[in-house]
Amino acid sequence: MLDIRPLDIREVVEIRPRKFGDDRGFFSETFNRDRFAAAGIEVDWFQDNQSYSAQPATLRGLHFQLPPFAQTKLVRVLRGRILDVAVDIRQGSPTHLKWVAAELSAEAFNQLLIPTGFAHGFLTLEPDTEVLYKTSAPYSPDHDRSIRWDDPDISVDWRLSGALPLLSFKDASAPLLRDMEIAFTFDR
C-alpha cells in the first residue's frame, strides 16, 4: 500500500511508503515495481544515485537531461532534510515555468516522483544530508543541462531569506532558461 499525494502540479507526486517498526528499528519497501504500477506509476528505473552534502544551504540544481536521456526521478532522503523542487519546463503546459516543492526528510520518510519534462533541484536544510534517487535513464554529459537556481522567470522560493546557497561551479554558472533550447512539449 502506497500513500500517494499529487502536488499542485499533478504530475509531481509525494509518496509515503509504509514503515513497519519494532524495538529493533523498522523495515520498509521503498520501491516495488508491481505496487507502483498498480498506483499508475510505471517507470523502468535505470540507476540509483546518492549525494552527500556536509553543509546546510547546499543547493544542487536545477538539473535535467534532454531526450533521449531525459530522466524521471524518485527522490528520498536517507539522512537530514531537503527542500525538493520540480519546475515544469514543458512547452505548452498549463503549468509551464511553475514550480512545486516538498520538504523531504529521513524522519518524514517521504519521496518525490519528478517526471521527465521537469527540472529538478534541492536545498539541504540540515548538515550531513544524504539523498538517494532513482533515475529512468543513465547520466549523459552531452544531454545534461542546468538552469540558473535563481532564474527570475521561475522565481523559486528556496527559503534562503536573502542568504546565498553553497553552489557547484556548474550550478553557479548555469544559464537562464530563456537562453536555452528546451526539447520538452506537453502531451495533452
N, C-alpha and C. Protein backbone atom coordinates (compact mmCIF):
# COMPACT_ATOMS: atom_id res chain seq x y z
N MET A 1 0.84 -1.18 0.00
CA MET A 1 0.00 0.00 0.00
C MET A 1 0.88 1.24 0.00
N LEU A 2 0.63 2.14 -0.94
CA LEU A 2 1.38 3.40 -1.03
C LEU A 2 0.44 4.57 -0.75
N ASP A 3 0.94 5.52 -0.01
CA ASP A 3 0.22 6.77 0.21
C ASP A 3 0.77 7.76 -0.81
N ILE A 4 -0.04 8.12 -1.82
CA ILE A 4 0.40 8.98 -2.92
C ILE A 4 -0.42 10.26 -2.90
N ARG A 5 0.30 11.40 -2.92
CA ARG A 5 -0.37 12.70 -2.88
C ARG A 5 0.19 13.59 -3.99
N PRO A 6 -0.64 13.92 -5.00
CA PRO A 6 -0.19 14.85 -6.04
C PRO A 6 0.05 16.24 -5.44
N LEU A 7 1.06 16.93 -5.93
CA LEU A 7 1.31 18.31 -5.51
C LEU A 7 0.48 19.23 -6.40
N ASP A 8 0.70 20.53 -6.32
CA ASP A 8 -0.09 21.48 -7.10
C ASP A 8 0.06 21.29 -8.61
N ILE A 9 1.17 20.75 -9.04
CA ILE A 9 1.33 20.29 -10.42
C ILE A 9 1.14 18.78 -10.34
N ARG A 10 0.01 18.29 -10.85
CA ARG A 10 -0.45 16.93 -10.56
C ARG A 10 0.51 15.82 -10.99
N GLU A 11 1.40 16.08 -11.94
CA GLU A 11 2.34 15.04 -12.39
C GLU A 11 3.45 14.79 -11.37
N VAL A 12 3.68 15.73 -10.48
CA VAL A 12 4.69 15.59 -9.42
C VAL A 12 3.96 15.09 -8.18
N VAL A 13 4.38 13.93 -7.67
CA VAL A 13 3.66 13.34 -6.55
C VAL A 13 4.60 13.01 -5.38
N GLU A 14 4.07 13.21 -4.19
CA GLU A 14 4.75 12.79 -2.98
C GLU A 14 4.27 11.39 -2.64
N ILE A 15 5.20 10.52 -2.28
CA ILE A 15 4.90 9.13 -1.96
C ILE A 15 5.42 8.83 -0.57
N ARG A 16 4.58 8.20 0.22
CA ARG A 16 4.99 7.77 1.57
C ARG A 16 4.84 6.25 1.65
N PRO A 17 5.97 5.53 1.59
CA PRO A 17 5.90 4.08 1.74
C PRO A 17 5.56 3.72 3.19
N ARG A 18 4.99 2.55 3.37
CA ARG A 18 4.68 2.08 4.73
C ARG A 18 5.95 1.66 5.44
N LYS A 19 5.97 1.91 6.74
CA LYS A 19 7.08 1.54 7.60
C LYS A 19 6.56 0.58 8.66
N PHE A 20 7.31 -0.49 8.90
CA PHE A 20 6.95 -1.45 9.92
C PHE A 20 8.05 -1.44 10.98
N GLY A 21 7.71 -0.97 12.17
CA GLY A 21 8.71 -0.82 13.21
C GLY A 21 8.48 -1.71 14.41
N ASP A 22 9.56 -1.97 15.11
CA ASP A 22 9.50 -2.66 16.39
C ASP A 22 10.69 -2.16 17.22
N ASP A 23 11.01 -2.84 18.30
CA ASP A 23 12.08 -2.35 19.18
C ASP A 23 13.47 -2.43 18.54
N ARG A 24 13.59 -3.11 17.42
CA ARG A 24 14.88 -3.18 16.71
C ARG A 24 15.09 -2.02 15.77
N GLY A 25 13.99 -1.39 15.31
CA GLY A 25 14.07 -0.34 14.30
C GLY A 25 12.87 -0.44 13.38
N PHE A 26 13.10 -0.45 12.06
CA PHE A 26 11.98 -0.54 11.12
C PHE A 26 12.42 -1.23 9.84
N PHE A 27 11.42 -1.62 9.06
CA PHE A 27 11.60 -2.15 7.72
C PHE A 27 10.61 -1.45 6.82
N SER A 28 11.03 -1.16 5.58
CA SER A 28 10.12 -0.56 4.61
C SER A 28 10.51 -1.00 3.21
N GLU A 29 9.50 -1.22 2.40
CA GLU A 29 9.68 -1.49 0.98
C GLU A 29 9.53 -0.13 0.29
N THR A 30 10.64 0.52 -0.05
CA THR A 30 10.58 1.88 -0.59
C THR A 30 10.24 1.90 -2.07
N PHE A 31 10.46 0.79 -2.75
CA PHE A 31 10.06 0.68 -4.15
C PHE A 31 9.70 -0.76 -4.44
N ASN A 32 8.55 -0.94 -5.10
CA ASN A 32 8.12 -2.24 -5.58
C ASN A 32 7.44 -2.00 -6.93
N ARG A 33 8.01 -2.54 -7.99
CA ARG A 33 7.51 -2.28 -9.34
C ARG A 33 6.01 -2.54 -9.47
N ASP A 34 5.54 -3.66 -8.94
CA ASP A 34 4.13 -4.01 -9.08
C ASP A 34 3.22 -3.07 -8.30
N ARG A 35 3.63 -2.70 -7.09
CA ARG A 35 2.80 -1.78 -6.29
C ARG A 35 2.76 -0.39 -6.93
N PHE A 36 3.90 0.06 -7.44
CA PHE A 36 3.92 1.35 -8.12
C PHE A 36 3.05 1.31 -9.37
N ALA A 37 3.14 0.23 -10.15
CA ALA A 37 2.34 0.09 -11.37
C ALA A 37 0.85 0.08 -11.03
N ALA A 38 0.48 -0.59 -9.95
CA ALA A 38 -0.93 -0.62 -9.53
C ALA A 38 -1.42 0.78 -9.16
N ALA A 39 -0.50 1.64 -8.75
CA ALA A 39 -0.84 3.03 -8.41
C ALA A 39 -0.72 3.96 -9.62
N GLY A 40 -0.43 3.38 -10.80
CA GLY A 40 -0.34 4.17 -12.03
C GLY A 40 1.04 4.73 -12.31
N ILE A 41 2.05 4.28 -11.58
CA ILE A 41 3.42 4.77 -11.78
C ILE A 41 4.24 3.63 -12.37
N GLU A 42 4.43 3.69 -13.70
CA GLU A 42 5.18 2.64 -14.38
C GLU A 42 6.43 3.27 -14.99
N VAL A 43 7.55 3.04 -14.32
CA VAL A 43 8.84 3.59 -14.76
C VAL A 43 9.85 2.46 -14.78
N ASP A 44 10.61 2.40 -15.85
CA ASP A 44 11.69 1.43 -15.96
C ASP A 44 12.95 2.10 -15.42
N TRP A 45 13.23 1.90 -14.13
CA TRP A 45 14.36 2.57 -13.49
C TRP A 45 15.67 2.04 -14.02
N PHE A 46 16.63 2.94 -14.22
CA PHE A 46 17.92 2.57 -14.80
C PHE A 46 19.04 2.54 -13.75
N GLN A 47 19.11 3.56 -12.88
CA GLN A 47 20.19 3.61 -11.91
C GLN A 47 19.76 4.35 -10.66
N ASP A 48 20.54 4.15 -9.59
CA ASP A 48 20.38 4.89 -8.35
C ASP A 48 21.58 5.80 -8.18
N ASN A 49 21.33 7.01 -7.66
CA ASN A 49 22.38 7.98 -7.37
C ASN A 49 22.26 8.40 -5.92
N GLN A 50 23.39 8.67 -5.27
CA GLN A 50 23.37 9.12 -3.89
C GLN A 50 24.27 10.33 -3.77
N SER A 51 23.80 11.35 -3.04
CA SER A 51 24.64 12.53 -2.80
C SER A 51 24.72 12.79 -1.31
N TYR A 52 25.83 13.38 -0.90
CA TYR A 52 26.06 13.79 0.48
C TYR A 52 26.41 15.27 0.46
N SER A 53 25.79 16.01 1.34
CA SER A 53 26.09 17.44 1.48
C SER A 53 26.41 17.71 2.95
N ALA A 54 27.62 18.18 3.20
CA ALA A 54 28.06 18.41 4.58
C ALA A 54 27.38 19.63 5.19
N GLN A 55 27.15 20.67 4.38
CA GLN A 55 26.65 21.93 4.90
C GLN A 55 25.17 22.13 4.60
N PRO A 56 24.44 22.75 5.54
CA PRO A 56 23.08 23.20 5.19
C PRO A 56 23.18 24.32 4.17
N ALA A 57 22.12 24.56 3.44
CA ALA A 57 22.05 25.58 2.38
C ALA A 57 22.92 25.21 1.18
N THR A 58 23.19 23.92 0.99
CA THR A 58 23.83 23.43 -0.23
C THR A 58 22.71 23.25 -1.25
N LEU A 59 22.86 23.89 -2.39
CA LEU A 59 21.83 23.81 -3.43
C LEU A 59 22.38 23.03 -4.61
N ARG A 60 21.66 22.03 -5.03
CA ARG A 60 22.02 21.22 -6.19
C ARG A 60 20.89 21.35 -7.21
N GLY A 61 21.16 22.00 -8.32
CA GLY A 61 20.12 22.16 -9.34
C GLY A 61 20.09 23.57 -9.87
N LEU A 62 19.25 23.75 -10.75
CA LEU A 62 18.15 22.97 -11.30
C LEU A 62 18.65 22.16 -12.49
N HIS A 63 18.49 20.86 -12.47
CA HIS A 63 19.07 19.97 -13.47
C HIS A 63 18.00 19.21 -14.25
N PHE A 64 18.34 18.88 -15.49
CA PHE A 64 17.52 17.97 -16.31
C PHE A 64 18.40 17.44 -17.42
N GLN A 65 17.93 16.41 -18.11
CA GLN A 65 18.62 15.89 -19.28
C GLN A 65 17.66 15.92 -20.47
N LEU A 66 18.23 16.22 -21.63
CA LEU A 66 17.44 16.26 -22.86
C LEU A 66 17.18 14.84 -23.37
N PRO A 67 16.10 14.65 -24.14
CA PRO A 67 15.87 13.36 -24.78
C PRO A 67 17.02 13.04 -25.73
N PRO A 68 17.37 11.81 -25.92
CA PRO A 68 16.69 10.60 -25.47
C PRO A 68 17.12 10.14 -24.07
N PHE A 69 17.81 10.98 -23.31
CA PHE A 69 18.26 10.62 -21.98
C PHE A 69 17.52 11.39 -20.88
N ALA A 70 16.33 11.88 -21.20
CA ALA A 70 15.51 12.56 -20.20
C ALA A 70 15.21 11.59 -19.06
N GLN A 71 15.15 12.14 -17.84
CA GLN A 71 15.02 11.29 -16.67
C GLN A 71 13.77 11.60 -15.84
N THR A 72 13.08 10.56 -15.46
CA THR A 72 12.14 10.62 -14.35
C THR A 72 12.98 10.30 -13.12
N LYS A 73 12.67 10.96 -11.99
CA LYS A 73 13.43 10.74 -10.75
C LYS A 73 12.49 10.40 -9.61
N LEU A 74 12.96 9.53 -8.73
CA LEU A 74 12.28 9.22 -7.48
C LEU A 74 13.28 9.54 -6.38
N VAL A 75 13.01 10.61 -5.63
CA VAL A 75 13.98 11.19 -4.68
C VAL A 75 13.55 10.92 -3.25
N ARG A 76 14.51 10.52 -2.41
CA ARG A 76 14.24 10.37 -0.98
C ARG A 76 15.48 10.73 -0.19
N VAL A 77 15.29 11.02 1.09
CA VAL A 77 16.38 11.44 1.96
C VAL A 77 16.70 10.31 2.94
N LEU A 78 17.97 9.94 2.99
CA LEU A 78 18.41 8.90 3.91
C LEU A 78 18.79 9.48 5.27
N ARG A 79 19.32 10.72 5.25
CA ARG A 79 19.72 11.40 6.49
C ARG A 79 19.56 12.89 6.26
N GLY A 80 18.94 13.57 7.21
CA GLY A 80 18.78 15.01 7.10
C GLY A 80 17.44 15.41 6.52
N ARG A 81 17.45 16.58 5.84
CA ARG A 81 16.20 17.18 5.35
C ARG A 81 16.52 18.11 4.19
N ILE A 82 15.65 18.11 3.17
CA ILE A 82 15.84 18.97 1.99
C ILE A 82 14.52 19.63 1.60
N LEU A 83 14.65 20.71 0.86
CA LEU A 83 13.54 21.29 0.12
C LEU A 83 13.74 20.81 -1.30
N ASP A 84 12.85 19.96 -1.79
CA ASP A 84 12.98 19.37 -3.11
C ASP A 84 12.05 20.11 -4.07
N VAL A 85 12.58 20.53 -5.22
CA VAL A 85 11.86 21.41 -6.14
C VAL A 85 11.80 20.80 -7.54
N ALA A 86 10.62 20.89 -8.17
CA ALA A 86 10.43 20.47 -9.56
C ALA A 86 9.84 21.65 -10.32
N VAL A 87 10.42 21.95 -11.49
CA VAL A 87 9.98 23.07 -12.33
C VAL A 87 9.50 22.50 -13.66
N ASP A 88 8.28 22.85 -14.04
CA ASP A 88 7.70 22.39 -15.30
C ASP A 88 8.33 23.17 -16.46
N ILE A 89 9.09 22.49 -17.31
CA ILE A 89 9.73 23.14 -18.47
C ILE A 89 9.17 22.61 -19.78
N ARG A 90 7.96 22.06 -19.74
CA ARG A 90 7.32 21.53 -20.94
C ARG A 90 6.61 22.67 -21.68
N GLN A 91 7.02 22.90 -22.93
CA GLN A 91 6.36 23.91 -23.76
C GLN A 91 4.88 23.55 -23.93
N GLY A 92 4.00 24.53 -23.80
CA GLY A 92 2.57 24.31 -24.00
C GLY A 92 1.84 23.77 -22.78
N SER A 93 2.54 23.51 -21.70
CA SER A 93 1.90 23.01 -20.49
C SER A 93 1.14 24.14 -19.80
N PRO A 94 -0.02 23.84 -19.22
CA PRO A 94 -0.73 24.88 -18.46
C PRO A 94 0.03 25.33 -17.22
N THR A 95 1.02 24.55 -16.79
CA THR A 95 1.83 24.93 -15.64
C THR A 95 3.29 25.23 -16.03
N HIS A 96 3.50 25.57 -17.32
CA HIS A 96 4.85 25.89 -17.82
C HIS A 96 5.48 26.99 -16.96
N LEU A 97 6.71 26.76 -16.52
CA LEU A 97 7.52 27.64 -15.69
C LEU A 97 7.02 27.75 -14.25
N LYS A 98 6.03 26.96 -13.89
CA LYS A 98 5.60 26.89 -12.49
C LYS A 98 6.45 25.85 -11.77
N TRP A 99 6.55 26.01 -10.49
CA TRP A 99 7.33 25.07 -9.70
C TRP A 99 6.52 24.61 -8.49
N VAL A 100 6.88 23.44 -7.99
CA VAL A 100 6.33 22.91 -6.75
C VAL A 100 7.50 22.44 -5.89
N ALA A 101 7.26 22.42 -4.59
CA ALA A 101 8.30 21.99 -3.66
C ALA A 101 7.68 21.14 -2.56
N ALA A 102 8.49 20.24 -2.05
CA ALA A 102 8.10 19.43 -0.90
C ALA A 102 9.32 19.28 -0.01
N GLU A 103 9.07 19.33 1.28
CA GLU A 103 10.15 19.06 2.21
C GLU A 103 10.24 17.55 2.39
N LEU A 104 11.40 17.00 2.07
CA LEU A 104 11.65 15.58 2.24
C LEU A 104 12.63 15.40 3.38
N SER A 105 12.42 14.38 4.18
CA SER A 105 13.34 14.15 5.28
C SER A 105 13.41 12.67 5.62
N ALA A 106 14.49 12.30 6.29
CA ALA A 106 14.61 10.92 6.77
C ALA A 106 13.51 10.65 7.77
N GLU A 107 13.18 11.62 8.59
CA GLU A 107 12.15 11.44 9.61
C GLU A 107 10.76 11.27 9.00
N ALA A 108 10.41 12.10 8.03
CA ALA A 108 9.09 12.00 7.39
C ALA A 108 8.97 10.78 6.50
N PHE A 109 10.11 10.28 6.01
CA PHE A 109 10.17 9.06 5.21
C PHE A 109 9.33 9.19 3.94
N ASN A 110 9.38 10.36 3.32
CA ASN A 110 8.61 10.60 2.10
C ASN A 110 9.54 10.66 0.90
N GLN A 111 8.96 10.52 -0.28
CA GLN A 111 9.69 10.54 -1.54
C GLN A 111 8.97 11.47 -2.50
N LEU A 112 9.69 11.96 -3.50
CA LEU A 112 9.07 12.79 -4.53
C LEU A 112 9.35 12.18 -5.89
N LEU A 113 8.28 11.99 -6.68
CA LEU A 113 8.39 11.49 -8.05
C LEU A 113 8.35 12.70 -8.97
N ILE A 114 9.41 12.88 -9.76
CA ILE A 114 9.53 14.01 -10.67
C ILE A 114 9.66 13.44 -12.09
N PRO A 115 8.64 13.66 -12.93
CA PRO A 115 8.65 13.07 -14.28
C PRO A 115 9.57 13.82 -15.24
N THR A 116 9.80 13.23 -16.40
CA THR A 116 10.54 13.93 -17.44
C THR A 116 9.78 15.19 -17.82
N GLY A 117 10.52 16.18 -18.31
CA GLY A 117 9.90 17.46 -18.65
C GLY A 117 9.94 18.45 -17.50
N PHE A 118 10.58 18.04 -16.42
CA PHE A 118 10.73 18.91 -15.25
C PHE A 118 12.20 19.04 -14.90
N ALA A 119 12.60 20.26 -14.54
CA ALA A 119 13.94 20.46 -13.97
C ALA A 119 13.83 20.17 -12.48
N HIS A 120 14.92 19.69 -11.90
CA HIS A 120 14.92 19.26 -10.51
C HIS A 120 16.08 19.89 -9.75
N GLY A 121 15.82 20.26 -8.52
CA GLY A 121 16.88 20.74 -7.65
C GLY A 121 16.47 20.58 -6.20
N PHE A 122 17.46 20.65 -5.31
CA PHE A 122 17.12 20.61 -3.89
C PHE A 122 18.12 21.43 -3.09
N LEU A 123 17.62 21.89 -1.94
CA LEU A 123 18.40 22.67 -0.99
C LEU A 123 18.45 21.89 0.31
N THR A 124 19.66 21.68 0.85
CA THR A 124 19.75 20.97 2.13
C THR A 124 19.34 21.92 3.26
N LEU A 125 18.59 21.39 4.19
CA LEU A 125 18.10 22.17 5.32
C LEU A 125 18.79 21.81 6.63
N GLU A 126 19.62 20.78 6.59
CA GLU A 126 20.36 20.33 7.76
C GLU A 126 21.77 19.93 7.33
N PRO A 127 22.72 19.95 8.26
CA PRO A 127 24.06 19.45 7.92
C PRO A 127 24.02 17.93 7.71
N ASP A 128 25.03 17.43 7.02
CA ASP A 128 25.21 15.99 6.82
C ASP A 128 23.98 15.32 6.24
N THR A 129 23.50 15.87 5.14
CA THR A 129 22.30 15.35 4.48
C THR A 129 22.69 14.40 3.35
N GLU A 130 22.03 13.24 3.30
CA GLU A 130 22.24 12.27 2.23
C GLU A 130 20.94 12.05 1.49
N VAL A 131 21.03 12.12 0.16
CA VAL A 131 19.88 11.97 -0.72
C VAL A 131 20.14 10.79 -1.65
N LEU A 132 19.11 9.97 -1.84
CA LEU A 132 19.19 8.84 -2.77
C LEU A 132 18.07 9.00 -3.78
N TYR A 133 18.40 8.86 -5.05
CA TYR A 133 17.33 8.95 -6.05
C TYR A 133 17.56 7.99 -7.20
N LYS A 134 16.43 7.47 -7.66
CA LYS A 134 16.41 6.60 -8.83
C LYS A 134 16.25 7.47 -10.06
N THR A 135 16.82 7.05 -11.18
CA THR A 135 16.62 7.73 -12.45
C THR A 135 16.22 6.70 -13.50
N SER A 136 15.45 7.16 -14.47
CA SER A 136 14.96 6.27 -15.52
C SER A 136 15.89 6.18 -16.72
N ALA A 137 16.96 6.96 -16.72
CA ALA A 137 17.93 6.94 -17.83
C ALA A 137 19.32 7.19 -17.24
N PRO A 138 20.36 6.74 -17.93
CA PRO A 138 21.72 6.95 -17.42
C PRO A 138 22.12 8.42 -17.55
N TYR A 139 23.14 8.79 -16.78
CA TYR A 139 23.71 10.12 -16.91
C TYR A 139 24.37 10.23 -18.28
N SER A 140 24.10 11.32 -18.97
CA SER A 140 24.71 11.58 -20.27
C SER A 140 25.24 13.01 -20.28
N PRO A 141 26.55 13.19 -20.20
CA PRO A 141 27.11 14.55 -20.18
C PRO A 141 26.67 15.40 -21.37
N ASP A 142 26.49 14.77 -22.54
CA ASP A 142 26.09 15.52 -23.73
C ASP A 142 24.64 16.00 -23.67
N HIS A 143 23.83 15.42 -22.81
CA HIS A 143 22.41 15.77 -22.71
C HIS A 143 22.08 16.48 -21.39
N ASP A 144 23.07 16.57 -20.53
CA ASP A 144 22.88 17.18 -19.20
C ASP A 144 22.78 18.70 -19.31
N ARG A 145 21.79 19.27 -18.64
CA ARG A 145 21.58 20.73 -18.65
C ARG A 145 21.28 21.22 -17.25
N SER A 146 21.61 22.48 -17.01
CA SER A 146 21.31 23.15 -15.75
C SER A 146 20.67 24.49 -16.04
N ILE A 147 19.73 24.87 -15.20
CA ILE A 147 19.10 26.18 -15.24
C ILE A 147 19.55 26.93 -14.00
N ARG A 148 19.80 28.21 -14.14
CA ARG A 148 20.24 29.01 -13.01
C ARG A 148 19.22 28.90 -11.86
N TRP A 149 19.71 28.65 -10.68
CA TRP A 149 18.88 28.40 -9.49
C TRP A 149 17.97 29.58 -9.15
N ASP A 150 18.42 30.79 -9.49
CA ASP A 150 17.64 31.99 -9.17
C ASP A 150 17.07 32.66 -10.42
N ASP A 151 16.73 31.87 -11.43
CA ASP A 151 16.17 32.38 -12.68
C ASP A 151 14.92 33.21 -12.35
N PRO A 152 14.90 34.50 -12.73
CA PRO A 152 13.76 35.35 -12.37
C PRO A 152 12.46 34.97 -13.08
N ASP A 153 12.53 34.24 -14.19
CA ASP A 153 11.31 33.80 -14.88
C ASP A 153 10.64 32.64 -14.15
N ILE A 154 11.37 32.01 -13.26
CA ILE A 154 10.83 30.88 -12.49
C ILE A 154 10.56 31.30 -11.04
N SER A 155 11.48 32.02 -10.45
CA SER A 155 11.35 32.59 -9.09
C SER A 155 11.02 31.55 -8.02
N VAL A 156 11.85 30.51 -7.94
CA VAL A 156 11.68 29.52 -6.88
C VAL A 156 11.96 30.19 -5.53
N ASP A 157 11.10 29.96 -4.57
CA ASP A 157 11.34 30.41 -3.19
C ASP A 157 12.12 29.31 -2.48
N TRP A 158 13.42 29.48 -2.42
CA TRP A 158 14.29 28.49 -1.80
C TRP A 158 14.32 28.61 -0.28
N ARG A 159 13.58 29.56 0.27
CA ARG A 159 13.54 29.77 1.73
C ARG A 159 14.90 30.14 2.30
N LEU A 160 15.66 30.93 1.55
CA LEU A 160 17.01 31.31 1.97
C LEU A 160 17.04 32.63 2.75
N SER A 161 15.95 33.37 2.77
CA SER A 161 15.86 34.64 3.49
C SER A 161 17.03 35.57 3.16
N GLY A 162 17.36 35.65 1.89
CA GLY A 162 18.41 36.56 1.44
C GLY A 162 19.82 35.99 1.49
N ALA A 163 20.02 34.86 2.14
CA ALA A 163 21.35 34.24 2.18
C ALA A 163 21.64 33.60 0.83
N LEU A 164 22.91 33.40 0.55
CA LEU A 164 23.31 32.73 -0.68
C LEU A 164 23.58 31.25 -0.40
N PRO A 165 23.17 30.38 -1.32
CA PRO A 165 23.43 28.95 -1.12
C PRO A 165 24.86 28.59 -1.49
N LEU A 166 25.27 27.42 -1.06
CA LEU A 166 26.54 26.83 -1.48
C LEU A 166 26.28 26.11 -2.79
N LEU A 167 27.00 26.52 -3.86
CA LEU A 167 26.76 26.00 -5.20
C LEU A 167 28.02 25.40 -5.80
N SER A 168 27.84 24.45 -6.69
CA SER A 168 28.95 23.96 -7.51
C SER A 168 29.24 25.01 -8.58
N PHE A 169 30.39 24.91 -9.22
CA PHE A 169 30.70 25.83 -10.32
C PHE A 169 29.66 25.68 -11.43
N LYS A 170 29.29 24.44 -11.73
CA LYS A 170 28.30 24.17 -12.77
C LYS A 170 26.99 24.89 -12.49
N ASP A 171 26.50 24.81 -11.25
CA ASP A 171 25.23 25.43 -10.92
C ASP A 171 25.34 26.95 -10.83
N ALA A 172 26.47 27.45 -10.35
CA ALA A 172 26.66 28.91 -10.24
C ALA A 172 26.74 29.56 -11.61
N SER A 173 27.20 28.82 -12.61
CA SER A 173 27.37 29.40 -13.95
C SER A 173 26.28 28.94 -14.93
N ALA A 174 25.23 28.33 -14.43
CA ALA A 174 24.15 27.84 -15.31
C ALA A 174 23.43 29.01 -15.97
N PRO A 175 22.95 28.83 -17.20
CA PRO A 175 22.23 29.90 -17.89
C PRO A 175 20.79 30.03 -17.42
N LEU A 176 20.17 31.12 -17.80
CA LEU A 176 18.74 31.30 -17.59
C LEU A 176 18.00 30.40 -18.57
N LEU A 177 16.80 29.98 -18.21
CA LEU A 177 16.01 29.11 -19.07
C LEU A 177 15.71 29.77 -20.41
N ARG A 178 15.45 31.08 -20.43
CA ARG A 178 15.11 31.77 -21.68
C ARG A 178 16.26 31.74 -22.70
N ASP A 179 17.47 31.45 -22.24
CA ASP A 179 18.63 31.40 -23.13
C ASP A 179 18.96 29.98 -23.59
N MET A 180 18.04 29.06 -23.34
CA MET A 180 18.26 27.66 -23.68
C MET A 180 17.20 27.16 -24.63
N GLU A 181 17.54 26.13 -25.38
CA GLU A 181 16.54 25.44 -26.20
C GLU A 181 16.06 24.23 -25.41
N ILE A 182 14.75 24.14 -25.23
CA ILE A 182 14.17 23.06 -24.44
C ILE A 182 13.41 22.13 -25.38
N ALA A 183 13.61 20.84 -25.20
CA ALA A 183 13.03 19.85 -26.12
C ALA A 183 11.81 19.15 -25.54
N PHE A 184 11.16 19.72 -24.54
CA PHE A 184 10.01 19.06 -23.93
C PHE A 184 8.73 19.78 -24.33
N THR A 185 7.73 19.00 -24.71
CA THR A 185 6.41 19.57 -25.01
C THR A 185 5.39 18.84 -24.16
N PHE A 186 4.31 19.54 -23.90
CA PHE A 186 3.23 19.00 -23.09
C PHE A 186 2.38 18.05 -23.91
N ASP A 187 2.18 16.84 -23.42
CA ASP A 187 1.30 15.87 -24.08
C ASP A 187 -0.08 15.96 -23.42
N ARG A 188 -1.04 16.34 -24.19
CA ARG A 188 -2.39 16.51 -23.64
C ARG A 188 -3.06 15.21 -23.36
